[in-house]
């Protein structure tokens, strides 16, 4: 995704990425940028062989979607805060560097 729509390419911009971890696990990372309002989309979704982790938008929440031994879908809430809560540590480090040198 380019971060903005291109005049000569109107419409949705989308990218897909395969992530291979040292363990050999492979995940799919997808991004989408729409030029106008669309339905509520998660900010991030990571899909792997055992399930999917979905990080919601401004409303917050991160959920892990898997299937149990019986084949039933299982949804586990990993956190309920908004995505911007992940920056707290970064803000604290920046403030400490600015104040303490």
PDB file of N, CA and C in Angstrom:
ATOM      1  N   UNK A   1       0.847  -1.179   0.000  1.00  0.00           N
ATOM      2  CA  UNK A   1       0.000   0.000   0.000  1.00  0.00           C
ATOM      3  C   UNK A   1       0.889   1.237   0.000  1.00  0.00           C
ATOM      4  N   UNK A   2       0.461   2.253  -0.678  1.00  0.00           N
ATOM      5  CA  UNK A   2       1.270   3.458  -0.808  1.00  0.00           C
ATOM      6  C   UNK A   2       0.960   4.501   0.249  1.00  0.00           C
ATOM      7  N   UNK A   3      -0.060   4.310   1.069  1.00  0.00           N
ATOM      8  CA  UNK A   3      -0.434   5.302   2.060  1.00  0.00           C
ATOM      9  C   UNK A   3      -1.424   6.317   1.524  1.00  0.00           C
ATOM     10  N   UNK A   4      -1.621   6.330   0.226  1.00  0.00           N
ATOM     11  CA  UNK A   4      -2.603   7.223  -0.399  1.00  0.00           C
ATOM     12  C   UNK A   4      -2.974   6.617  -1.748  1.00  0.00           C
ATOM     13  N   UNK A   5      -4.154   6.971  -2.227  1.00  0.00           N
ATOM     14  CA  UNK A   5      -4.534   6.469  -3.544  1.00  0.00           C
ATOM     15  C   UNK A   5      -3.807   7.277  -4.609  1.00  0.00           C
ATOM     16  N   UNK A   6      -3.514   6.656  -5.720  1.00  0.00           N
ATOM     17  CA  UNK A   6      -2.822   7.310  -6.822  1.00  0.00           C
ATOM     18  C   UNK A   6      -3.846   7.763  -7.852  1.00  0.00           C
ATOM     19  N   UNK A   7      -3.659   8.962  -8.376  1.00  0.00           N
ATOM     20  CA  UNK A   7      -4.624   9.534  -9.310  1.00  0.00           C
ATOM     21  C   UNK A   7      -4.866   8.615 -10.500  1.00  0.00           C
ATOM     22  N   UNK A   8      -3.820   7.993 -11.016  1.00  0.00           N
ATOM     23  CA  UNK A   8      -3.963   7.124 -12.181  1.00  0.00           C
ATOM     24  C   UNK A   8      -4.402   5.702 -11.809  1.00  0.00           C
ATOM     25  N   UNK A   9      -4.564   5.436 -10.509  1.00  0.00           N
ATOM     26  CA  UNK A   9      -5.010   4.127 -10.038  1.00  0.00           C
ATOM     27  C   UNK A   9      -6.091   4.317  -8.977  1.00  0.00           C
ATOM     28  N   UNK A  10      -7.284   4.804  -9.344  1.00  0.00           N
ATOM     29  CA  UNK A  10      -8.322   5.034  -8.351  1.00  0.00           C
ATOM     30  C   UNK A  10      -8.822   3.713  -7.767  1.00  0.00           C
ATOM     31  N   UNK A  11      -9.272   3.785  -6.545  1.00  0.00           N
ATOM     32  CA  UNK A  11      -9.830   2.599  -5.909  1.00  0.00           C
ATOM     33  C   UNK A  11      -8.957   2.102  -4.780  1.00  0.00           C
ATOM     34  N   UNK A  12      -9.255   0.912  -4.368  1.00  0.00           N
ATOM     35  CA  UNK A  12      -8.586   0.316  -3.214  1.00  0.00           C
ATOM     36  C   UNK A  12      -7.165  -0.100  -3.563  1.00  0.00           C
ATOM     37  N   UNK A  13      -6.225   0.151  -2.643  1.00  0.00           N
ATOM     38  CA  UNK A  13      -4.846  -0.302  -2.772  1.00  0.00           C
ATOM     39  C   UNK A  13      -4.657  -1.438  -1.773  1.00  0.00           C
ATOM     40  N   UNK A  14      -4.106  -2.546  -2.222  1.00  0.00           N
ATOM     41  CA  UNK A  14      -3.997  -3.717  -1.361  1.00  0.00           C
ATOM     42  C   UNK A  14      -2.640  -4.374  -1.548  1.00  0.00           C
ATOM     43  N   UNK A  15      -2.117  -4.951  -0.464  1.00  0.00           N
ATOM     44  CA  UNK A  15      -0.881  -5.726  -0.570  1.00  0.00           C
ATOM     45  C   UNK A  15      -1.006  -6.976   0.284  1.00  0.00           C
ATOM     46  N   UNK A  16      -0.303  -8.010  -0.112  1.00  0.00           N
ATOM     47  CA  UNK A  16      -0.263  -9.266   0.639  1.00  0.00           C
ATOM     48  C   UNK A  16       1.195  -9.679   0.789  1.00  0.00           C
ATOM     49  N   UNK A  17       1.531 -10.185   1.977  1.00  0.00           N
ATOM     50  CA  UNK A  17       2.908 -10.565   2.270  1.00  0.00           C
ATOM     51  C   UNK A  17       2.937 -11.920   2.957  1.00  0.00           C
ATOM     52  N   UNK A  18       3.930 -12.721   2.635  1.00  0.00           N
ATOM     53  CA  UNK A  18       4.178 -13.971   3.352  1.00  0.00           C
ATOM     54  C   UNK A  18       5.317 -13.726   4.324  1.00  0.00           C
ATOM     55  N   UNK A  19       5.107 -14.051   5.588  1.00  0.00           N
ATOM     56  CA  UNK A  19       6.140 -13.901   6.611  1.00  0.00           C
ATOM     57  C   UNK A  19       6.603 -15.291   7.020  1.00  0.00           C
ATOM     58  N   UNK A  20       7.902 -15.553   6.905  1.00  0.00           N
ATOM     59  CA  UNK A  20       8.451 -16.837   7.336  1.00  0.00           C
ATOM     60  C   UNK A  20       9.313 -16.580   8.568  1.00  0.00           C
ATOM     61  N   UNK A  21       8.964 -17.233   9.674  1.00  0.00           N
ATOM     62  CA  UNK A  21       9.680 -17.063  10.930  1.00  0.00           C
ATOM     63  C   UNK A  21      10.808 -18.082  11.036  1.00  0.00           C
ATOM     64  N   UNK A  22      11.755 -17.831  11.931  1.00  0.00           N
ATOM     65  CA  UNK A  22      12.886 -18.749  12.126  1.00  0.00           C
ATOM     66  C   UNK A  22      12.422 -20.167  12.432  1.00  0.00           C
ATOM     67  N   UNK A  23      11.274 -20.286  13.094  1.00  0.00           N
ATOM     68  CA  UNK A  23      10.739 -21.602  13.455  1.00  0.00           C
ATOM     69  C   UNK A  23      10.240 -22.375  12.237  1.00  0.00           C
ATOM     70  N   UNK A  24      10.137 -21.697  11.095  1.00  0.00           N
ATOM     71  CA  UNK A  24       9.595 -22.323   9.900  1.00  0.00           C
ATOM     72  C   UNK A  24       8.120 -22.008   9.687  1.00  0.00           C
ATOM     73  N   UNK A  25       7.493 -21.411  10.678  1.00  0.00           N
ATOM     74  CA  UNK A  25       6.091 -21.023  10.569  1.00  0.00           C
ATOM     75  C   UNK A  25       5.941 -19.932   9.517  1.00  0.00           C
ATOM     76  N   UNK A  26       4.893 -20.030   8.735  1.00  0.00           N
ATOM     77  CA  UNK A  26       4.607 -19.035   7.707  1.00  0.00           C
ATOM     78  C   UNK A  26       3.273 -18.376   8.030  1.00  0.00           C
ATOM     79  N   UNK A  27       3.206 -17.051   7.887  1.00  0.00           N
ATOM     80  CA  UNK A  27       1.972 -16.301   8.114  1.00  0.00           C
ATOM     81  C   UNK A  27       1.715 -15.389   6.923  1.00  0.00           C
ATOM     82  N   UNK A  28       0.471 -14.987   6.772  1.00  0.00           N
ATOM     83  CA  UNK A  28       0.068 -14.055   5.722  1.00  0.00           C
ATOM     84  C   UNK A  28      -0.272 -12.724   6.371  1.00  0.00           C
ATOM     85  N   UNK A  29       0.251 -11.620   5.820  1.00  0.00           N
ATOM     86  CA  UNK A  29      -0.046 -10.272   6.309  1.00  0.00           C
ATOM     87  C   UNK A  29      -0.669  -9.508   5.156  1.00  0.00           C
ATOM     88  N   UNK A  30      -1.869  -8.968   5.368  1.00  0.00           N
ATOM     89  CA  UNK A  30      -2.574  -8.247   4.314  1.00  0.00           C
ATOM     90  C   UNK A  30      -2.836  -6.808   4.748  1.00  0.00           C
ATOM     91  N   UNK A  31      -2.736  -5.871   3.804  1.00  0.00           N
ATOM     92  CA  UNK A  31      -3.060  -4.473   4.081  1.00  0.00           C
ATOM     93  C   UNK A  31      -4.009  -3.969   3.000  1.00  0.00           C
ATOM     94  N   UNK A  32      -4.826  -2.973   3.361  1.00  0.00           N
ATOM     95  CA  UNK A  32      -5.745  -2.387   2.403  1.00  0.00           C
ATOM     96  C   UNK A  32      -5.935  -0.908   2.720  1.00  0.00           C
ATOM     97  N   UNK A  33      -5.941  -0.091   1.687  1.00  0.00           N
ATOM     98  CA  UNK A  33      -6.223   1.332   1.816  1.00  0.00           C
ATOM     99  C   UNK A  33      -7.370   1.653   0.869  1.00  0.00           C
ATOM    100  N   UNK A  34      -8.462   2.143   1.417  1.00  0.00           N
ATOM    101  CA  UNK A  34      -9.626   2.493   0.594  1.00  0.00           C
ATOM    102  C   UNK A  34      -9.728   4.009   0.495  1.00  0.00           C
ATOM    103  N   UNK A  35     -10.063   4.536  -0.681  1.00  0.00           N
ATOM    104  CA  UNK A  35     -10.127   5.985  -0.861  1.00  0.00           C
ATOM    105  C   UNK A  35     -11.326   6.627  -0.173  1.00  0.00           C
ATOM    106  N   UNK A  36     -12.338   5.864   0.128  1.00  0.00           N
ATOM    107  CA  UNK A  36     -13.532   6.370   0.798  1.00  0.00           C
ATOM    108  C   UNK A  36     -13.894   5.398   1.918  1.00  0.00           C
ATOM    109  N   UNK A  37     -14.868   5.786   2.700  1.00  0.00           N
ATOM    110  CA  UNK A  37     -15.285   4.942   3.826  1.00  0.00           C
ATOM    111  C   UNK A  37     -15.760   3.577   3.330  1.00  0.00           C
ATOM    112  N   UNK A  38     -15.319   2.547   4.014  1.00  0.00           N
ATOM    113  CA  UNK A  38     -15.784   1.189   3.751  1.00  0.00           C
ATOM    114  C   UNK A  38     -16.198   0.602   5.088  1.00  0.00           C
ATOM    115  N   UNK A  39     -16.627  -0.632   5.095  1.00  0.00           N
ATOM    116  CA  UNK A  39     -17.036  -1.258   6.349  1.00  0.00           C
ATOM    117  C   UNK A  39     -15.863  -1.301   7.326  1.00  0.00           C
ATOM    118  N   UNK A  40     -16.174  -1.475   8.594  1.00  0.00           N
ATOM    119  CA  UNK A  40     -15.140  -1.554   9.629  1.00  0.00           C
ATOM    120  C   UNK A  40     -14.200  -2.709   9.302  1.00  0.00           C
ATOM    121  N   UNK A  41     -12.961  -2.406   9.057  1.00  0.00           N
ATOM    122  CA  UNK A  41     -11.953  -3.409   8.737  1.00  0.00           C
ATOM    123  C   UNK A  41     -10.957  -3.485   9.882  1.00  0.00           C
ATOM    124  N   UNK A  42     -10.430  -4.664  10.171  1.00  0.00           N
ATOM    125  CA  UNK A  42      -9.370  -4.717  11.182  1.00  0.00           C
ATOM    126  C   UNK A  42      -8.135  -3.993  10.650  1.00  0.00           C
ATOM    127  N   UNK A  43      -7.336  -3.433  11.562  1.00  0.00           N
ATOM    128  CA  UNK A  43      -6.109  -2.769  11.133  1.00  0.00           C
ATOM    129  C   UNK A  43      -5.096  -3.788  10.623  1.00  0.00           C
ATOM    130  N   UNK A  44      -5.003  -4.919  11.299  1.00  0.00           N
ATOM    131  CA  UNK A  44      -4.044  -5.955  10.910  1.00  0.00           C
ATOM    132  C   UNK A  44      -4.674  -7.328  11.093  1.00  0.00           C
ATOM    133  N   UNK A  45      -4.315  -8.265  10.232  1.00  0.00           N
ATOM    134  CA  UNK A  45      -4.714  -9.662  10.373  1.00  0.00           C
ATOM    135  C   UNK A  45      -3.517 -10.518   9.981  1.00  0.00           C
ATOM    136  N   UNK A  46      -3.106 -11.388  10.876  1.00  0.00           N
ATOM    137  CA  UNK A  46      -2.015 -12.330  10.614  1.00  0.00           C
ATOM    138  C   UNK A  46      -2.619 -13.723  10.560  1.00  0.00           C
ATOM    139  N   UNK A  47      -2.438 -14.404   9.440  1.00  0.00           N
ATOM    140  CA  UNK A  47      -3.012 -15.726   9.264  1.00  0.00           C
ATOM    141  C   UNK A  47      -1.901 -16.750   9.173  1.00  0.00           C
ATOM    142  N   UNK A  48      -2.063 -17.823   9.917  1.00  0.00           N
ATOM    143  CA  UNK A  48      -1.084 -18.896   9.904  1.00  0.00           C
ATOM    144  C   UNK A  48      -1.770 -20.244   9.794  1.00  0.00           C
ATOM    145  N   UNK A  49      -0.994 -21.302   9.881  1.00  0.00           N
ATOM    146  CA  UNK A  49      -1.544 -22.643   9.715  1.00  0.00           C
ATOM    147  C   UNK A  49      -2.432 -23.068  10.878  1.00  0.00           C
ATOM    148  N   UNK A  50      -2.301 -22.434  12.027  1.00  0.00           N
ATOM    149  CA  UNK A  50      -3.109 -22.813  13.195  1.00  0.00           C
ATOM    150  C   UNK A  50      -4.223 -21.825  13.515  1.00  0.00           C
ATOM    151  N   UNK A  51      -4.282 -20.715  12.806  1.00  0.00           N
ATOM    152  CA  UNK A  51      -5.334 -19.750  13.093  1.00  0.00           C
ATOM    153  C   UNK A  51      -4.996 -18.367  12.593  1.00  0.00           C
ATOM    154  N   UNK A  52      -5.664 -17.386  13.193  1.00  0.00           N
ATOM    155  CA  UNK A  52      -5.542 -16.010  12.745  1.00  0.00           C
ATOM    156  C   UNK A  52      -5.561 -15.078  13.956  1.00  0.00           C
ATOM    157  N   UNK A  53      -4.696 -14.063  13.933  1.00  0.00           N
ATOM    158  CA  UNK A  53      -4.708 -13.008  14.943  1.00  0.00           C
ATOM    159  C   UNK A  53      -5.232 -11.759  14.252  1.00  0.00           C
ATOM    160  N   UNK A  54      -6.279 -11.155  14.829  1.00  0.00           N
ATOM    161  CA  UNK A  54      -6.909  -9.973  14.247  1.00  0.00           C
ATOM    162  C   UNK A  54      -6.784  -8.816  15.226  1.00  0.00           C
ATOM    163  N   UNK A  55      -6.172  -7.719  14.770  1.00  0.00           N
ATOM    164  CA  UNK A  55      -6.033  -6.501  15.576  1.00  0.00           C
ATOM    165  C   UNK A  55      -7.040  -5.501  15.028  1.00  0.00           C
ATOM    166  N   UNK A  56      -8.030  -5.172  15.854  1.00  0.00           N
ATOM    167  CA  UNK A  56      -9.125  -4.302  15.422  1.00  0.00           C
ATOM    168  C   UNK A  56      -8.647  -2.863  15.257  1.00  0.00           C
ATOM    169  N   UNK A  57      -9.510  -2.035  14.690  1.00  0.00           N
ATOM    170  CA  UNK A  57      -9.190  -0.636  14.459  1.00  0.00           C
ATOM    171  C   UNK A  57      -9.298   0.197  15.716  1.00  0.00           C
ATOM    172  N   UNK A  58      -9.812   1.394  15.570  1.00  0.00           N
ATOM    173  CA  UNK A  58      -9.843   2.347  16.671  1.00  0.00           C
ATOM    174  C   UNK A  58     -10.637   1.842  17.864  1.00  0.00           C
ATOM    175  N   UNK A  59     -11.626   0.984  17.644  1.00  0.00           N
ATOM    176  CA  UNK A  59     -12.413   0.442  18.744  1.00  0.00           C
ATOM    177  C   UNK A  59     -11.605  -0.449  19.663  1.00  0.00           C
ATOM    178  N   UNK A  60     -10.494  -0.937  19.182  1.00  0.00           N
ATOM    179  CA  UNK A  60      -9.597  -1.737  19.999  1.00  0.00           C
ATOM    180  C   UNK A  60      -9.921  -3.213  19.984  1.00  0.00           C
ATOM    181  N   UNK A  61      -9.019  -3.942  20.572  1.00  0.00           N
ATOM    182  CA  UNK A  61      -9.191  -5.374  20.697  1.00  0.00           C
ATOM    183  C   UNK A  61      -8.276  -6.156  19.779  1.00  0.00           C
ATOM    184  N   UNK A  62      -7.786  -7.250  20.314  1.00  0.00           N
ATOM    185  CA  UNK A  62      -6.949  -8.172  19.563  1.00  0.00           C
ATOM    186  C   UNK A  62      -7.438  -9.572  19.901  1.00  0.00           C
ATOM    187  N   UNK A  63      -7.756 -10.359  18.892  1.00  0.00           N
ATOM    188  CA  UNK A  63      -8.317 -11.687  19.103  1.00  0.00           C
ATOM    189  C   UNK A  63      -7.543 -12.738  18.314  1.00  0.00           C
ATOM    190  N   UNK A  64      -7.438 -13.911  18.908  1.00  0.00           N
ATOM    191  CA  UNK A  64      -6.821 -15.062  18.261  1.00  0.00           C
ATOM    192  C   UNK A  64      -7.942 -16.040  17.898  1.00  0.00           C
ATOM    193  N   UNK A  65      -8.051 -16.368  16.617  1.00  0.00           N
ATOM    194  CA  UNK A  65      -9.087 -17.279  16.122  1.00  0.00           C
ATOM    195  C   UNK A  65      -8.427 -18.612  15.777  1.00  0.00           C
ATOM    196  N   UNK A  66      -8.872 -19.679  16.426  1.00  0.00           N
ATOM    197  CA  UNK A  66      -8.344 -21.018  16.164  1.00  0.00           C
ATOM    198  C   UNK A  66      -9.509 -22.007  16.100  1.00  0.00           C
ATOM    199  N   UNK A  67      -9.188 -23.267  15.891  1.00  0.00           N
ATOM    200  CA  UNK A  67     -10.177 -24.341  15.880  1.00  0.00           C
ATOM    201  C   UNK A  67      -9.728 -25.377  16.898  1.00  0.00           C
ATOM    202  N   UNK A  68     -10.657 -25.852  17.740  1.00  0.00           N
ATOM    203  CA  UNK A  68     -10.290 -26.851  18.750  1.00  0.00           C
ATOM    204  C   UNK A  68     -10.285 -28.253  18.138  1.00  0.00           C
ATOM    205  N   UNK A  69      -9.972 -29.266  18.956  1.00  0.00           N
ATOM    206  CA  UNK A  69      -9.848 -30.643  18.477  1.00  0.00           C
ATOM    207  C   UNK A  69     -11.145 -31.166  17.857  1.00  0.00           C
ATOM    208  N   UNK A  70     -12.288 -30.645  18.302  1.00  0.00           N
ATOM    209  CA  UNK A  70     -13.582 -31.079  17.768  1.00  0.00           C
ATOM    210  C   UNK A  70     -13.966 -30.323  16.492  1.00  0.00           C
ATOM    211  N   UNK A  71     -13.152 -29.342  16.106  1.00  0.00           N
ATOM    212  CA  UNK A  71     -13.431 -28.571  14.905  1.00  0.00           C
ATOM    213  C   UNK A  71     -14.245 -27.312  15.141  1.00  0.00           C
ATOM    214  N   UNK A  72     -14.528 -27.012  16.414  1.00  0.00           N
ATOM    215  CA  UNK A  72     -15.294 -25.802  16.740  1.00  0.00           C
ATOM    216  C   UNK A  72     -14.378 -24.586  16.746  1.00  0.00           C
ATOM    217  N   UNK A  73     -14.907 -23.461  16.290  1.00  0.00           N
ATOM    218  CA  UNK A  73     -14.128 -22.226  16.274  1.00  0.00           C
ATOM    219  C   UNK A  73     -13.961 -21.698  17.695  1.00  0.00           C
ATOM    220  N   UNK A  74     -12.732 -21.282  18.021  1.00  0.00           N
ATOM    221  CA  UNK A  74     -12.407 -20.719  19.332  1.00  0.00           C
ATOM    222  C   UNK A  74     -11.872 -19.309  19.112  1.00  0.00           C
ATOM    223  N   UNK A  75     -12.418 -18.343  19.850  1.00  0.00           N
ATOM    224  CA  UNK A  75     -11.948 -16.962  19.773  1.00  0.00           C
ATOM    225  C   UNK A  75     -11.460 -16.558  21.157  1.00  0.00           C
ATOM    226  N   UNK A  76     -10.178 -16.210  21.254  1.00  0.00           N
ATOM    227  CA  UNK A  76      -9.572 -15.792  22.524  1.00  0.00           C
ATOM    228  C   UNK A  76      -9.220 -14.311  22.441  1.00  0.00           C
ATOM    229  N   UNK A  77      -9.687 -13.536  23.415  1.00  0.00           N
ATOM    230  CA  UNK A  77      -9.331 -12.119  23.458  1.00  0.00           C
ATOM    231  C   UNK A  77      -7.924 -11.993  24.031  1.00  0.00           C
ATOM    232  N   UNK A  78      -7.009 -11.413  23.267  1.00  0.00           N
ATOM    233  CA  UNK A  78      -5.637 -11.218  23.726  1.00  0.00           C
ATOM    234  C   UNK A  78      -5.490  -9.888  24.449  1.00  0.00           C
ATOM    235  N   UNK A  79      -6.231  -8.878  24.015  1.00  0.00           N
ATOM    236  CA  UNK A  79      -6.284  -7.592  24.706  1.00  0.00           C
ATOM    237  C   UNK A  79      -7.530  -6.860  24.245  1.00  0.00           C
ATOM    238  N   UNK A  80      -7.966  -5.879  25.005  1.00  0.00           N
ATOM    239  CA  UNK A  80      -9.168  -5.129  24.635  1.00  0.00           C
ATOM    240  C   UNK A  80      -8.880  -3.652  24.372  1.00  0.00           C
ATOM    241  N   UNK A  81      -7.623  -3.260  24.504  1.00  0.00           N
ATOM    242  CA  UNK A  81      -7.260  -1.860  24.284  1.00  0.00           C
ATOM    243  C   UNK A  81      -7.168  -1.552  22.796  1.00  0.00           C
ATOM    244  N   UNK A  82      -7.182  -0.266  22.481  1.00  0.00           N
ATOM    245  CA  UNK A  82      -7.010   0.164  21.099  1.00  0.00           C
ATOM    246  C   UNK A  82      -5.579  -0.052  20.637  1.00  0.00           C
ATOM    247  N   UNK A  83      -5.383  -0.054  19.335  1.00  0.00           N
ATOM    248  CA  UNK A  83      -4.056  -0.306  18.762  1.00  0.00           C
ATOM    249  C   UNK A  83      -3.030   0.707  19.238  1.00  0.00           C
ATOM    250  N   UNK A  84      -3.474   1.932  19.528  1.00  0.00           N
ATOM    251  CA  UNK A  84      -2.533   2.971  19.936  1.00  0.00           C
ATOM    252  C   UNK A  84      -1.937   2.728  21.318  1.00  0.00           C
ATOM    253  N   UNK A  85      -2.522   1.819  22.109  1.00  0.00           N
ATOM    254  CA  UNK A  85      -1.962   1.493  23.423  1.00  0.00           C
ATOM    255  C   UNK A  85      -0.585   0.844  23.288  1.00  0.00           C
ATOM    256  N   UNK A  86      -0.293   0.279  22.123  1.00  0.00           N
ATOM    257  CA  UNK A  86       1.005  -0.368  21.920  1.00  0.00           C
ATOM    258  C   UNK A  86       2.157   0.625  21.911  1.00  0.00           C
ATOM    259  N   UNK A  87       1.847   1.918  21.814  1.00  0.00           N
ATOM    260  CA  UNK A  87       2.895   2.933  21.780  1.00  0.00           C
ATOM    261  C   UNK A  87       3.292   3.444  23.165  1.00  0.00           C
ATOM    262  N   UNK A  88       2.644   2.976  24.232  1.00  0.00           N
ATOM    263  CA  UNK A  88       2.936   3.489  25.576  1.00  0.00           C
ATOM    264  C   UNK A  88       4.417   3.386  25.939  1.00  0.00           C
ATOM    265  N   UNK A  89       5.008   2.239  25.716  1.00  0.00           N
ATOM    266  CA  UNK A  89       6.425   2.056  26.026  1.00  0.00           C
ATOM    267  C   UNK A  89       7.310   2.978  25.214  1.00  0.00           C
ATOM    268  N   UNK A  90       6.961   3.154  23.959  1.00  0.00           N
ATOM    269  CA  UNK A  90       7.724   4.047  23.083  1.00  0.00           C
ATOM    270  C   UNK A  90       7.626   5.496  23.571  1.00  0.00           C
ATOM    271  N   UNK A  91       6.417   5.911  23.976  1.00  0.00           N
ATOM    272  CA  UNK A  91       6.241   7.265  24.523  1.00  0.00           C
ATOM    273  C   UNK A  91       7.080   7.457  25.778  1.00  0.00           C
ATOM    274  N   UNK A  92       7.078   6.455  26.659  1.00  0.00           N
ATOM    275  CA  UNK A  92       7.841   6.547  27.910  1.00  0.00           C
ATOM    276  C   UNK A  92       9.336   6.654  27.619  1.00  0.00           C
ATOM    277  N   UNK A  93       9.835   5.860  26.677  1.00  0.00           N
ATOM    278  CA  UNK A  93      11.255   5.924  26.310  1.00  0.00           C
ATOM    279  C   UNK A  93      11.613   7.287  25.722  1.00  0.00           C
ATOM    280  N   UNK A  94      10.739   7.820  24.874  1.00  0.00           N
ATOM    281  CA  UNK A  94      10.987   9.124  24.266  1.00  0.00           C
ATOM    282  C   UNK A  94      11.011  10.213  25.336  1.00  0.00           C
ATOM    283  N   UNK A  95      10.041  10.175  26.252  1.00  0.00           N
ATOM    284  CA  UNK A  95       9.993  11.175  27.327  1.00  0.00           C
ATOM    285  C   UNK A  95      11.232  11.081  28.208  1.00  0.00           C
ATOM    286  N   UNK A  96      11.661   9.862  28.540  1.00  0.00           N
ATOM    287  CA  UNK A  96      12.854   9.686  29.372  1.00  0.00           C
ATOM    288  C   UNK A  96      14.092  10.224  28.656  1.00  0.00           C
ATOM    289  N   UNK A  97      14.205   9.962  27.364  1.00  0.00           N
ATOM    290  CA  UNK A  97      15.361  10.456  26.608  1.00  0.00           C
ATOM    291  C   UNK A  97      15.358  11.979  26.546  1.00  0.00           C
ATOM    292  N   UNK A  98      14.167  12.567  26.373  1.00  0.00           N
ATOM    293  CA  UNK A  98      14.074  14.026  26.289  1.00  0.00           C
ATOM    294  C   UNK A  98      14.335  14.688  27.642  1.00  0.00           C
ATOM    295  N   UNK A  99      13.837  14.079  28.718  1.00  0.00           N
ATOM    296  CA  UNK A  99      13.964  14.682  30.048  1.00  0.00           C
ATOM    297  C   UNK A  99      15.288  14.360  30.735  1.00  0.00           C
ATOM    298  N   UNK A 100      15.772  13.136  30.533  1.00  0.00           N
ATOM    299  CA  UNK A 100      16.963  12.681  31.257  1.00  0.00           C
ATOM    300  C   UNK A 100      18.231  12.695  30.414  1.00  0.00           C
ATOM    301  N   UNK A 101      18.086  12.885  29.130  1.00  0.00           N
ATOM    302  CA  UNK A 101      19.251  12.957  28.253  1.00  0.00           C
ATOM    303  C   UNK A 101      19.733  11.684  27.745  1.00  0.00           C
TER     304      UNK A 101
END
